[in-house]
Protein backbone atom coordinates (compact mmCIF):
# COMPACT_ATOMS: atom_id res chain seq x y z
CA MET A 1 -199.17 61.15 33.55
CA THR A 2 -201.44 63.35 35.65
CA THR A 3 -203.25 66.18 33.88
CA ASP A 4 -206.55 66.45 35.83
CA GLY A 5 -208.13 67.74 32.66
CA ARG A 6 -205.45 70.36 32.15
CA PRO A 7 -203.59 70.38 28.82
CA ILE A 8 -200.09 69.29 28.06
CA VAL A 9 -198.21 72.52 27.38
CA ILE A 10 -195.14 72.56 25.16
CA VAL A 11 -192.99 75.68 25.47
CA GLY A 12 -191.02 76.16 22.28
CA ALA A 13 -192.45 75.82 18.78
CA GLY A 14 -189.27 74.84 16.97
CA LEU A 15 -188.56 71.41 15.55
CA ALA A 16 -188.33 69.64 18.92
CA GLY A 17 -191.56 71.16 20.26
CA LEU A 18 -193.43 70.38 17.06
CA ARG A 19 -192.15 66.81 16.98
CA ALA A 20 -193.19 66.33 20.61
CA ALA A 21 -196.74 67.43 19.77
CA GLU A 22 -196.81 65.16 16.73
CA GLU A 23 -195.54 62.15 18.65
CA LEU A 24 -198.07 62.65 21.45
CA ARG A 25 -200.93 62.62 18.96
CA ARG A 26 -199.39 59.69 17.07
CA ALA A 27 -199.14 57.74 20.34
CA GLY A 28 -202.85 58.22 20.98
CA TYR A 29 -202.99 61.17 23.36
CA ALA A 30 -206.37 62.85 22.77
CA GLY A 31 -206.38 65.48 25.52
CA GLY A 32 -205.64 69.18 25.40
CA LEU A 33 -202.36 70.11 23.74
CA ILE A 34 -200.95 73.64 23.56
CA LEU A 35 -197.81 74.59 21.63
CA LEU A 36 -196.28 77.95 22.63
CA GLY A 37 -193.83 79.84 20.43
CA ASP A 38 -192.05 83.13 21.04
CA GLU A 39 -191.90 83.92 17.32
CA SER A 40 -194.96 84.90 15.29
CA ARG A 41 -194.19 82.51 12.44
CA LEU A 42 -195.49 78.97 12.07
CA PRO A 43 -192.89 76.39 13.17
CA TYR A 44 -190.11 76.30 10.59
CA ASP A 45 -186.96 74.41 9.74
CA ARG A 46 -183.72 76.14 10.78
CA PRO A 47 -180.97 74.28 8.85
CA PRO A 48 -181.94 75.77 5.46
CA LEU A 49 -181.59 79.32 6.83
CA SER A 50 -177.79 79.29 6.47
CA LYS A 51 -177.95 77.59 3.09
CA GLN A 52 -180.93 77.56 0.69
CA PHE A 53 -182.68 80.55 2.30
CA ILE A 54 -179.61 82.79 2.45
CA ARG A 55 -178.78 81.89 -1.16
CA GLY A 56 -182.27 82.88 -2.27
CA GLU A 57 -183.22 79.37 -3.38
CA THR A 58 -186.26 79.20 -1.11
CA ASP A 59 -188.40 81.71 0.78
CA ASP A 60 -190.35 79.29 2.95
CA THR A 61 -189.01 76.71 5.40
CA THR A 62 -192.32 76.15 7.21
CA LEU A 63 -192.58 72.65 8.67
CA ARG A 64 -196.37 72.35 8.85
CA PRO A 65 -199.18 74.51 7.43
CA ALA A 66 -201.73 76.13 9.72
CA GLU A 67 -204.34 73.48 8.82
CA PHE A 68 -202.16 70.78 10.34
CA PHE A 69 -202.63 72.19 13.83
CA ALA A 70 -206.38 72.53 13.44
CA ASP A 71 -206.68 69.03 11.99
CA ASN A 72 -204.73 67.55 14.91
CA ASP A 73 -206.42 69.65 17.60
CA ILE A 74 -203.17 71.34 18.61
CA GLU A 75 -203.69 74.84 19.99
CA LEU A 76 -200.89 76.98 18.58
CA ARG A 77 -200.06 80.20 20.42
CA LEU A 78 -197.39 82.27 18.74
CA GLY A 79 -195.59 85.51 19.48
CA VAL A 80 -195.70 85.36 23.28
CA PRO A 81 -192.62 83.96 25.11
CA ALA A 82 -192.82 82.12 28.38
CA ALA A 83 -191.51 84.25 31.25
CA GLY A 84 -191.62 81.87 34.21
CA VAL A 85 -193.12 78.72 35.68
CA ASP A 86 -194.65 77.79 39.03
CA THR A 87 -194.11 74.04 39.16
CA ALA A 88 -196.03 73.60 42.43
CA ALA A 89 -199.20 75.17 41.00
CA ARG A 90 -198.40 73.91 37.48
CA LEU A 91 -198.66 77.32 35.89
CA VAL A 92 -196.67 78.92 33.08
CA ARG A 93 -196.42 82.70 33.19
CA LEU A 94 -196.27 84.39 29.78
CA ALA A 95 -194.50 87.62 28.83
CA ASP A 96 -197.82 89.39 28.24
CA GLY A 97 -198.78 88.80 31.89
CA SER A 98 -201.22 85.95 31.27
CA VAL A 99 -200.99 82.60 33.04
CA LEU A 100 -201.52 79.15 31.56
CA ALA A 101 -202.29 76.04 33.61
CA TYR A 102 -200.71 72.77 32.57
CA GLY A 103 -201.05 69.13 33.47
CA GLU A 104 -197.65 68.19 32.03
CA LEU A 105 -195.03 70.67 30.81
CA ILE A 106 -192.55 69.99 28.00
CA ILE A 107 -189.75 72.53 27.63
CA ALA A 108 -188.29 72.82 24.12
CA THR A 109 -186.98 76.40 24.09
CA GLY A 110 -183.79 75.60 22.18
CA LEU A 111 -180.85 77.97 21.90
CA ARG A 112 -179.99 81.60 21.30
CA PRO A 113 -176.79 82.91 19.65
CA ARG A 114 -173.91 83.77 21.94
CA ARG A 115 -172.91 87.43 21.79
CA ILE A 116 -169.45 88.94 22.13
CA PRO A 117 -169.45 91.14 25.26
CA GLY A 118 -168.87 94.82 24.57
CA LEU A 119 -169.48 94.58 20.83
CA PRO A 120 -171.56 97.58 19.71
CA GLU A 121 -174.95 96.90 18.14
CA VAL A 122 -174.68 98.67 14.81
CA VAL A 123 -176.02 98.18 11.30
CA GLY A 124 -174.23 95.46 9.38
CA VAL A 125 -173.51 93.14 12.33
CA HIS A 126 -175.51 89.92 12.39
CA VAL A 127 -176.06 86.67 14.23
CA LEU A 128 -178.02 83.77 12.79
CA ARG A 129 -180.54 81.68 14.65
CA GLY A 130 -184.08 82.60 13.67
CA HIS A 131 -185.92 83.44 10.47
CA ALA A 132 -185.78 87.19 11.16
CA ASP A 133 -181.99 86.96 11.52
CA ALA A 134 -181.72 85.15 8.20
CA ALA A 135 -184.05 87.56 6.41
CA ALA A 136 -182.06 90.59 7.60
CA LEU A 137 -178.80 88.97 6.59
CA ARG A 138 -180.10 87.98 3.16
CA ALA A 139 -181.33 91.51 2.52
CA GLU A 140 -177.90 93.00 3.22
CA LEU A 141 -176.09 90.23 1.39
CA SER A 142 -177.72 91.23 -1.88
CA GLY A 143 -175.64 94.43 -1.97
CA ALA A 144 -172.48 93.18 -0.27
CA ARG A 145 -169.13 92.55 -1.89
CA THR A 146 -167.15 91.61 1.21
CA ALA A 147 -168.04 89.82 4.44
CA LEU A 148 -166.30 89.00 7.70
CA ILE A 149 -167.45 85.87 9.54
CA VAL A 150 -166.22 85.47 13.09
CA GLY A 151 -166.26 81.82 14.12
CA ALA A 152 -165.69 78.78 11.89
CA GLY A 153 -168.17 76.45 13.52
CA PHE A 154 -170.97 74.86 11.52
CA ILE A 155 -172.92 78.10 11.05
CA GLY A 156 -169.82 80.11 10.12
CA CYS A 157 -168.64 77.49 7.64
CA GLU A 158 -172.06 77.10 6.03
CA LEU A 159 -172.46 80.86 5.70
CA ALA A 160 -168.99 81.14 4.15
CA SER A 161 -170.04 78.56 1.58
CA SER A 162 -173.34 80.33 0.87
CA PHE A 163 -171.68 83.75 0.61
CA ARG A 164 -169.09 82.45 -1.86
CA SER A 165 -171.86 81.01 -4.02
CA ARG A 166 -173.22 84.57 -4.25
CA GLY A 167 -169.83 85.92 -5.31
CA VAL A 168 -169.06 87.64 -2.00
CA ASP A 169 -165.44 87.79 -0.84
CA VAL A 170 -165.21 86.18 2.61
CA VAL A 171 -162.75 86.50 5.47
CA LEU A 172 -163.43 83.67 7.93
CA VAL A 173 -161.79 84.16 11.34
CA GLU A 174 -161.37 81.31 13.85
CA PRO A 175 -159.51 81.52 17.17
CA GLN A 176 -158.80 77.79 17.16
CA SER A 177 -156.25 76.05 14.94
CA ALA A 178 -158.78 74.97 12.29
CA PRO A 179 -162.50 75.17 11.45
CA LEU A 180 -164.58 72.87 13.67
CA ALA A 181 -161.44 71.82 15.57
CA GLY A 182 -163.25 72.03 18.89
CA ALA A 183 -165.89 69.56 17.72
CA LEU A 184 -164.07 67.35 15.23
CA GLY A 185 -160.38 67.70 16.06
CA GLU A 186 -157.49 69.35 14.25
CA GLN A 187 -156.98 66.62 11.65
CA VAL A 188 -160.51 66.78 10.26
CA GLY A 189 -160.58 70.53 10.84
CA ALA A 190 -157.61 70.84 8.50
CA LEU A 191 -159.53 68.97 5.79
CA VAL A 192 -162.48 71.33 6.25
CA ALA A 193 -160.06 74.27 6.06
CA ARG A 194 -158.86 72.97 2.72
CA LEU A 195 -162.42 73.05 1.34
CA HIS A 196 -162.79 76.71 2.22
CA ARG A 197 -159.43 77.79 0.91
CA GLU A 198 -160.08 75.93 -2.35
CA ALA A 199 -163.30 77.96 -2.66
CA GLY A 200 -161.42 81.24 -2.25
CA VAL A 201 -162.19 81.97 1.40
CA ASP A 202 -159.55 83.98 3.25
CA LEU A 203 -159.43 81.67 6.27
CA ARG A 204 -157.45 82.96 9.25
CA CYS A 205 -157.02 80.54 12.15
CA GLY A 206 -155.59 81.34 15.54
CA VAL A 207 -157.03 84.83 15.22
CA GLY A 208 -159.97 86.50 16.96
CA LEU A 209 -161.98 89.68 16.72
CA ASP A 210 -160.54 92.67 18.58
CA SER A 211 -162.94 95.48 17.63
CA LEU A 212 -165.29 96.68 14.93
CA VAL A 213 -164.57 99.51 12.54
CA VAL A 214 -167.71 101.66 12.61
CA LYS A 215 -168.62 104.59 10.38
CA ASP A 216 -171.96 106.41 10.41
CA ASP A 217 -173.35 103.83 12.86
CA SER A 218 -172.60 100.99 10.44
CA ALA A 219 -169.93 98.30 10.54
CA ARG A 220 -167.28 98.77 7.86
CA GLY A 221 -164.91 96.06 8.98
CA ALA A 222 -162.90 94.99 11.99
CA ARG A 223 -159.54 94.90 13.67
CA LEU A 224 -158.33 91.42 14.51
CA SER A 225 -156.33 90.16 17.47
CA ASP A 226 -153.18 89.87 15.34
CA GLY A 227 -153.31 93.60 14.60
CA SER A 228 -154.58 93.26 11.03
CA ALA A 229 -157.55 95.19 9.66
CA VAL A 230 -160.35 93.73 7.53
CA ALA A 231 -162.78 95.76 5.44
CA ALA A 232 -166.27 94.27 5.19
CA ASP A 233 -169.72 95.31 4.05
CA LEU A 234 -171.25 93.02 6.67
CA VAL A 235 -170.08 91.11 9.73
CA VAL A 236 -171.52 87.86 11.06
CA ILE A 237 -170.83 86.66 14.59
CA GLY A 238 -170.97 82.87 14.80
CA VAL A 239 -169.38 81.99 18.13
CA GLY A 240 -171.87 79.39 19.31
CA SER A 241 -175.18 79.35 21.13
CA VAL A 242 -176.47 79.00 24.68
CA PRO A 243 -179.60 77.19 25.96
CA VAL A 244 -182.64 79.37 26.57
CA THR A 245 -183.14 78.76 30.29
CA ASP A 246 -183.05 82.23 31.85
CA TRP A 247 -186.85 82.19 32.23
CA LEU A 248 -186.50 79.17 34.54
CA ILE A 249 -184.52 80.96 37.23
CA ASP A 250 -186.05 80.24 40.67
CA SER A 251 -188.35 77.60 39.16
CA GLY A 252 -186.64 74.71 40.95
CA ILE A 253 -186.05 72.95 37.63
CA PRO A 254 -182.41 71.75 37.75
CA LEU A 255 -180.03 73.15 35.17
CA ALA A 256 -176.64 71.94 34.00
CA THR A 257 -173.70 74.18 34.81
CA PRO A 258 -172.03 76.29 32.11
CA ALA A 259 -169.06 73.90 32.32
CA GLN A 260 -171.44 71.07 31.47
CA GLY A 261 -172.80 73.01 28.51
CA GLY A 262 -175.90 74.33 30.26
CA GLY A 263 -179.42 73.14 29.54
CA ILE A 264 -182.10 71.36 31.56
CA LEU A 265 -181.10 68.17 33.37
CA ALA A 266 -183.27 65.15 32.59
CA ASP A 267 -183.17 61.36 32.46
CA GLU A 268 -182.86 59.26 29.30
CA PHE A 269 -186.52 59.94 28.43
CA GLY A 270 -186.56 63.69 29.04
CA ARG A 271 -188.11 63.49 32.50
CA THR A 272 -186.73 66.12 34.91
CA PRO A 273 -186.63 65.57 38.70
CA VAL A 274 -189.56 67.99 38.99
CA ASP A 275 -192.89 66.19 38.77
CA GLY A 276 -194.74 66.93 35.54
CA VAL A 277 -191.84 68.69 33.82
CA TRP A 278 -190.08 67.29 30.74
CA THR A 279 -187.56 68.63 28.24
CA VAL A 280 -186.56 67.86 24.66
CA GLY A 281 -184.29 69.14 21.90
CA ASP A 282 -181.29 71.45 21.97
CA VAL A 283 -182.07 72.80 25.44
CA ALA A 284 -182.27 69.32 26.99
CA ALA A 285 -179.30 67.77 28.80
CA TRP A 286 -180.44 64.14 28.81
CA ARG A 287 -178.66 61.43 30.76
CA HIS A 288 -176.77 59.06 28.49
CA HIS A 289 -175.50 55.51 28.91
CA THR A 290 -172.28 56.82 30.44
CA GLY A 291 -174.30 58.35 33.28
CA ASN A 292 -173.33 61.86 32.20
CA HIS A 293 -175.79 64.49 31.03
CA ARG A 294 -175.21 65.87 27.56
CA ARG A 295 -177.03 68.11 25.13
CA ILE A 296 -177.06 67.02 21.48
CA GLU A 297 -177.68 69.85 19.03
CA HIS A 298 -178.71 67.63 16.12
CA TRP A 299 -181.73 67.91 13.84
CA THR A 300 -182.41 64.17 13.91
CA ASN A 301 -182.00 64.06 17.68
CA ALA A 302 -185.05 66.29 18.15
CA GLY A 303 -187.34 63.75 16.51
CA GLU A 304 -185.78 60.74 18.22
CA GLN A 305 -186.02 62.37 21.64
CA ALA A 306 -189.63 63.43 21.02
CA GLN A 307 -190.61 59.84 20.27
CA LEU A 308 -188.99 58.54 23.46
CA LEU A 309 -190.45 61.36 25.58
CA ALA A 310 -193.99 60.88 24.26
CA SER A 311 -193.88 57.15 25.01
CA ALA A 312 -192.58 57.71 28.54
CA LEU A 313 -195.01 60.52 29.30
CA LEU A 314 -197.98 58.39 28.23
CA GLY A 315 -196.71 55.32 30.09
CA ALA A 316 -196.10 53.30 26.96
CA GLU A 317 -193.18 51.06 26.12
CA PRO A 318 -190.44 53.16 24.53
CA PRO A 319 -189.49 52.26 20.96
CA ALA A 320 -186.67 49.75 20.77
CA THR A 321 -184.40 51.66 18.45
CA ALA A 322 -180.65 52.07 18.44
CA ARG A 323 -180.04 55.80 18.57
CA VAL A 324 -176.89 56.86 16.78
CA PRO A 325 -176.48 60.66 16.72
CA TYR A 326 -176.41 62.00 13.18
CA VAL A 327 -175.81 65.49 11.85
CA TRP A 328 -174.84 66.91 8.50
CA SER A 329 -173.51 70.17 7.11
CA ASP A 330 -173.72 71.26 3.48
CA GLN A 331 -170.58 73.13 2.44
CA TYR A 332 -169.89 73.91 -1.22
CA ASP A 333 -170.47 70.77 -3.30
CA LEU A 334 -170.08 68.39 -0.36
CA LYS A 335 -172.31 67.09 2.39
CA ILE A 336 -170.30 66.56 5.56
CA GLN A 337 -171.97 63.76 7.53
CA ILE A 338 -171.27 62.92 11.15
CA LEU A 339 -172.41 59.66 12.74
CA GLY A 340 -171.84 59.00 16.42
CA THR A 341 -170.18 61.17 19.06
CA PRO A 342 -166.80 62.43 17.88
CA SER A 343 -164.40 64.10 20.28
CA PRO A 344 -161.29 66.09 19.41
CA THR A 345 -159.40 63.93 21.93
CA ASP A 346 -160.29 60.68 20.13
CA ASP A 347 -157.80 58.65 18.14
CA ILE A 348 -158.69 60.03 14.69
CA ARG A 349 -157.80 57.92 11.67
CA ILE A 350 -158.18 59.31 8.15
CA ILE A 351 -159.52 56.36 6.19
CA GLU A 352 -159.78 58.11 2.83
CA ASP A 353 -158.62 61.43 1.44
CA ASN A 354 -158.58 62.06 -2.29
CA GLY A 355 -157.65 65.71 -1.93
CA HIS A 356 -161.26 66.86 -1.73
CA LYS A 357 -163.56 64.19 -0.31
CA PHE A 358 -162.63 62.33 2.84
CA VAL A 359 -163.64 59.79 5.49
CA ALA A 360 -162.41 59.67 9.10
CA HIS A 361 -163.02 57.17 11.91
CA TYR A 362 -162.88 58.11 15.60
CA TYR A 363 -161.85 55.69 18.35
CA THR A 364 -161.88 55.86 22.13
CA ALA A 365 -159.94 53.06 23.80
CA ASP A 366 -160.12 51.04 20.56
CA THR A 367 -163.90 51.45 20.36
CA LEU A 368 -165.36 53.08 17.26
CA THR A 369 -167.25 56.15 18.43
CA ALA A 370 -167.87 58.18 15.27
CA VAL A 371 -167.54 58.27 11.50
CA ILE A 372 -167.24 61.49 9.53
CA GLY A 373 -167.25 61.83 5.77
CA ALA A 374 -167.38 64.58 3.19
CA GLY A 375 -168.94 63.59 -0.11
CA ARG A 376 -168.94 59.92 0.89
CA PRO A 377 -172.52 59.10 2.02
CA GLY A 378 -172.26 55.37 1.36
CA GLN A 379 -169.08 54.94 3.35
CA VAL A 380 -170.53 56.89 6.28
CA MET A 381 -174.03 55.45 6.52
CA LYS A 382 -172.93 51.83 6.22
CA MET A 383 -171.22 52.27 9.60
CA ARG A 384 -174.46 53.07 11.47
CA ALA A 385 -174.99 49.46 12.56
CA HIS A 386 -171.40 49.21 13.78
CA LEU A 387 -171.81 52.35 15.86
CA ALA A 388 -175.16 51.19 17.25
CA ASN A 389 -173.42 48.10 18.61
CA THR A 390 -170.30 50.02 19.73
CA PRO A 391 -167.92 47.24 18.66
CA THR A 392 -164.44 46.91 20.11
CA ILE A 393 -161.84 47.12 17.37
CA THR A 394 -159.14 44.49 17.72
C-alpha cells in the first residue's frame, strides 16, 4: 500500500463500500478514509426494499447511523457521484467538478437496473434498485389493484410475492420457460412457478413485453408479445441490472466484456492491474479458482470480498476461510436459499419435493456445485462444508 499521506477513497456507499471501510478499520488502518456515495441517504440495505419496505413493514433500512462514521473517523460524502478517474495522478473527478486525491482507490459502485430500449418514461412505470425507486413504487402500490411485472428474476418474483400480500392482482411475464430458469434451470424454475401460481399470480412464461398502453401520460397496461393485452395500474420492469462502470471510460481500468457480464476485472483479492485501484461487490469481476473472472451479486459476498480486499491492501495475511457463495430470496411463506454456484446446464437432481417445499442438488461432472432449497434451511445449510471441499460424488 502506498498512500503518501493521501486517503483511501471508496467510491460507492452501498453494502460493499461500507463493508470495505469497516474491514479496513477493523484490520488496523488508521489513515484517512473517505466513503463516496451518489445518493444522499446514509448507506442502507437493499434486499428489504422489495420485501419488508414495499409491504410497509419497515421505513428504515439504514445500515449504520451517522455517529458510526464519526466514531470510526470515516469521512462520508453523499449525493455527489464520481464522474471519472485519473489513475496516473491518483485523482477522482466528481460530478460537481471537484477533484479528490487518493492514495488507494476502491471501486464499489454496484449495479443499475437495465432498461428496455424505446420504452416511454411515463407515470406508473417503475424499476427497483435504490431507496427512491422503492419509495415511489410503494406510494403507487397503496392505490393499485392490478400490477404487471416484466421479468421473473429474483426482483420480479419477490415483488410479485409482496404485491400479493397487499391484495394486488399480479401478472408476471417472463420470456424464458420458467421463473429464474436462466439462473437455476428449468426444473427448479418450474417449482418456483408453482409457488407463484398457488399464490394467485397470473404467471405467463415464454412471453415478453411488446408495448405499453398509455393514457394521459400514465401507463394503463401493456400489450405482450403473444398479442394479448394486460390492464395494470402500475408496471414494474425487472429485466436485470448492469455494472456501473460508464464513469471509468478512458481510465485504463480494465473492464469485462458484456458477454462476460461486465464489471471491473480484478484478481482473487480485488486488485486490478492498475496500481492502487481495487474493486469489490456487485461491480467486481474477481478471478476465481477456475481462472475465469466472474461477478457474484450476493449480499454475503460483499462482506467476504471486503475482508479479503482489506487484508490484501494492508499487506496482511488473508483470512483462511472457505468461501461458499450464499444468497436467499423470500417469496411468500418460504425462504429460497442458494449455496454454491448453480448453473442451468448442471445435472439437477430434485432431492425432495413435498408439493410446496423442495431441495435440489446441482452437479457438474459428478461434483456437487450447489444446493438450493425452499423452506428447508437445515437441509441446505448442512451442505456448506461439502461444497467448501467440492467433493466428487461417486
